[in-house]
N, C-alpha and C. Protein backbone atom coordinates (compact mmCIF):
# COMPACT_ATOMS: atom_id res chain seq x y z
N MET A 1 -2.20 4.42 10.17
CA MET A 1 -1.72 3.19 9.57
C MET A 1 -0.22 3.10 9.81
N ASN A 2 0.23 1.96 10.33
CA ASN A 2 1.66 1.86 10.61
C ASN A 2 2.45 1.50 9.36
N SER A 3 3.75 1.60 9.47
CA SER A 3 4.61 1.43 8.30
C SER A 3 4.61 0.00 7.77
N ASN A 4 4.41 -0.98 8.65
CA ASN A 4 4.37 -2.37 8.18
C ASN A 4 3.21 -2.61 7.23
N LYS A 5 2.06 -2.06 7.54
CA LYS A 5 0.89 -2.23 6.68
C LYS A 5 1.09 -1.52 5.34
N VAL A 6 1.71 -0.34 5.37
CA VAL A 6 1.97 0.40 4.13
C VAL A 6 2.92 -0.40 3.24
N LEU A 7 3.98 -0.94 3.82
CA LEU A 7 4.92 -1.75 3.05
C LEU A 7 4.26 -3.01 2.50
N LEU A 8 3.40 -3.61 3.29
CA LEU A 8 2.68 -4.80 2.84
C LEU A 8 1.78 -4.49 1.65
N ILE A 9 1.07 -3.38 1.72
CA ILE A 9 0.19 -2.97 0.62
C ILE A 9 1.00 -2.67 -0.64
N LEU A 10 2.12 -1.97 -0.48
CA LEU A 10 2.97 -1.67 -1.64
C LEU A 10 3.54 -2.95 -2.27
N LEU A 11 3.90 -3.91 -1.45
CA LEU A 11 4.43 -5.17 -1.96
C LEU A 11 3.37 -5.93 -2.74
N ILE A 12 2.14 -5.92 -2.27
CA ILE A 12 1.05 -6.59 -2.98
C ILE A 12 0.77 -5.88 -4.31
N ILE A 13 0.82 -4.55 -4.30
CA ILE A 13 0.59 -3.79 -5.55
C ILE A 13 1.67 -4.11 -6.57
N VAL A 14 2.93 -4.12 -6.13
CA VAL A 14 4.02 -4.45 -7.05
C VAL A 14 3.88 -5.87 -7.58
N ALA A 15 3.47 -6.80 -6.72
CA ALA A 15 3.27 -8.18 -7.15
C ALA A 15 2.17 -8.27 -8.20
N ALA A 16 1.08 -7.56 -7.98
CA ALA A 16 -0.03 -7.58 -8.95
C ALA A 16 0.40 -7.00 -10.29
N VAL A 17 1.17 -5.93 -10.25
CA VAL A 17 1.65 -5.31 -11.50
C VAL A 17 2.60 -6.26 -12.23
N MET A 18 3.49 -6.90 -11.51
CA MET A 18 4.43 -7.83 -12.14
C MET A 18 3.70 -9.01 -12.77
N ILE A 19 2.71 -9.55 -12.08
CA ILE A 19 1.94 -10.67 -12.63
C ILE A 19 1.16 -10.20 -13.86
N TYR A 20 0.57 -9.03 -13.79
CA TYR A 20 -0.18 -8.49 -14.94
C TYR A 20 0.72 -8.30 -16.16
N LEU A 21 1.88 -7.69 -15.94
CA LEU A 21 2.80 -7.46 -17.05
C LEU A 21 3.32 -8.78 -17.64
N GLY A 22 3.54 -9.76 -16.78
CA GLY A 22 4.00 -11.05 -17.26
C GLY A 22 2.95 -11.76 -18.09
N VAL A 23 1.70 -11.70 -17.66
CA VAL A 23 0.62 -12.33 -18.41
C VAL A 23 0.37 -11.59 -19.71
N LYS A 24 0.39 -10.27 -19.65
CA LYS A 24 0.14 -9.46 -20.84
C LYS A 24 1.23 -9.66 -21.89
N GLY A 25 2.47 -9.75 -21.47
CA GLY A 25 3.58 -9.91 -22.40
C GLY A 25 3.95 -11.35 -22.66
N ASN A 26 3.22 -12.29 -22.08
CA ASN A 26 3.48 -13.72 -22.23
C ASN A 26 4.93 -14.05 -21.83
N MET A 27 5.34 -13.51 -20.67
CA MET A 27 6.69 -13.73 -20.16
C MET A 27 6.60 -14.39 -18.79
N LYS A 28 7.39 -15.42 -18.58
CA LYS A 28 7.33 -16.14 -17.31
C LYS A 28 8.11 -15.48 -16.16
N PRO A 29 9.29 -14.89 -16.39
CA PRO A 29 10.04 -14.32 -15.25
C PRO A 29 9.26 -13.29 -14.43
N PRO A 30 8.53 -12.33 -15.04
CA PRO A 30 7.76 -11.40 -14.20
C PRO A 30 6.65 -12.09 -13.41
N ILE A 31 6.08 -13.13 -13.98
CA ILE A 31 5.03 -13.87 -13.26
C ILE A 31 5.62 -14.52 -12.02
N PHE A 32 6.78 -15.17 -12.19
CA PHE A 32 7.43 -15.81 -11.05
C PHE A 32 7.86 -14.78 -10.00
N THR A 33 8.32 -13.63 -10.44
CA THR A 33 8.69 -12.56 -9.51
C THR A 33 7.47 -12.08 -8.73
N GLY A 34 6.36 -11.91 -9.42
CA GLY A 34 5.12 -11.50 -8.75
C GLY A 34 4.66 -12.52 -7.73
N ILE A 35 4.74 -13.79 -8.09
CA ILE A 35 4.36 -14.84 -7.14
C ILE A 35 5.30 -14.83 -5.94
N GLY A 36 6.59 -14.61 -6.20
CA GLY A 36 7.55 -14.50 -5.10
C GLY A 36 7.23 -13.34 -4.18
N PHE A 37 6.81 -12.21 -4.75
CA PHE A 37 6.43 -11.06 -3.92
C PHE A 37 5.21 -11.37 -3.07
N VAL A 38 4.27 -12.12 -3.61
CA VAL A 38 3.08 -12.51 -2.84
C VAL A 38 3.50 -13.40 -1.67
N ILE A 39 4.40 -14.34 -1.92
CA ILE A 39 4.89 -15.21 -0.84
C ILE A 39 5.62 -14.39 0.22
N ILE A 40 6.46 -13.46 -0.21
CA ILE A 40 7.17 -12.60 0.74
C ILE A 40 6.18 -11.77 1.55
N ALA A 41 5.15 -11.24 0.90
CA ALA A 41 4.14 -10.45 1.61
C ALA A 41 3.40 -11.31 2.64
N PHE A 42 3.10 -12.55 2.27
CA PHE A 42 2.43 -13.46 3.20
C PHE A 42 3.31 -13.72 4.42
N LEU A 43 4.58 -14.00 4.18
CA LEU A 43 5.50 -14.25 5.30
C LEU A 43 5.72 -12.99 6.13
N PHE A 44 5.80 -11.84 5.47
CA PHE A 44 5.97 -10.57 6.18
C PHE A 44 4.77 -10.29 7.08
N ASN A 45 3.57 -10.56 6.55
CA ASN A 45 2.35 -10.34 7.33
C ASN A 45 2.28 -11.32 8.50
N LYS A 46 2.71 -12.56 8.27
CA LYS A 46 2.68 -13.57 9.32
C LYS A 46 3.66 -13.24 10.45
N SER A 47 4.84 -12.73 10.08
CA SER A 47 5.85 -12.42 11.10
C SER A 47 5.55 -11.14 11.86
N SER A 48 4.75 -10.24 11.27
CA SER A 48 4.49 -8.96 11.95
C SER A 48 3.36 -9.06 12.97
N LYS A 49 2.69 -10.19 13.02
CA LYS A 49 1.60 -10.35 14.00
C LYS A 49 2.10 -10.80 15.34
């Protein structure tokens, strides 16, 4: 597995954790951060192809 895929997987995991913590704590900033990480992961995956 190359390093780009590992970084992409880690970014998705961090995004999922941020969204989970935001929903659990009823806080909007972590949710927005998680969504931003998902967008960054999508763009990162698109540019690495």
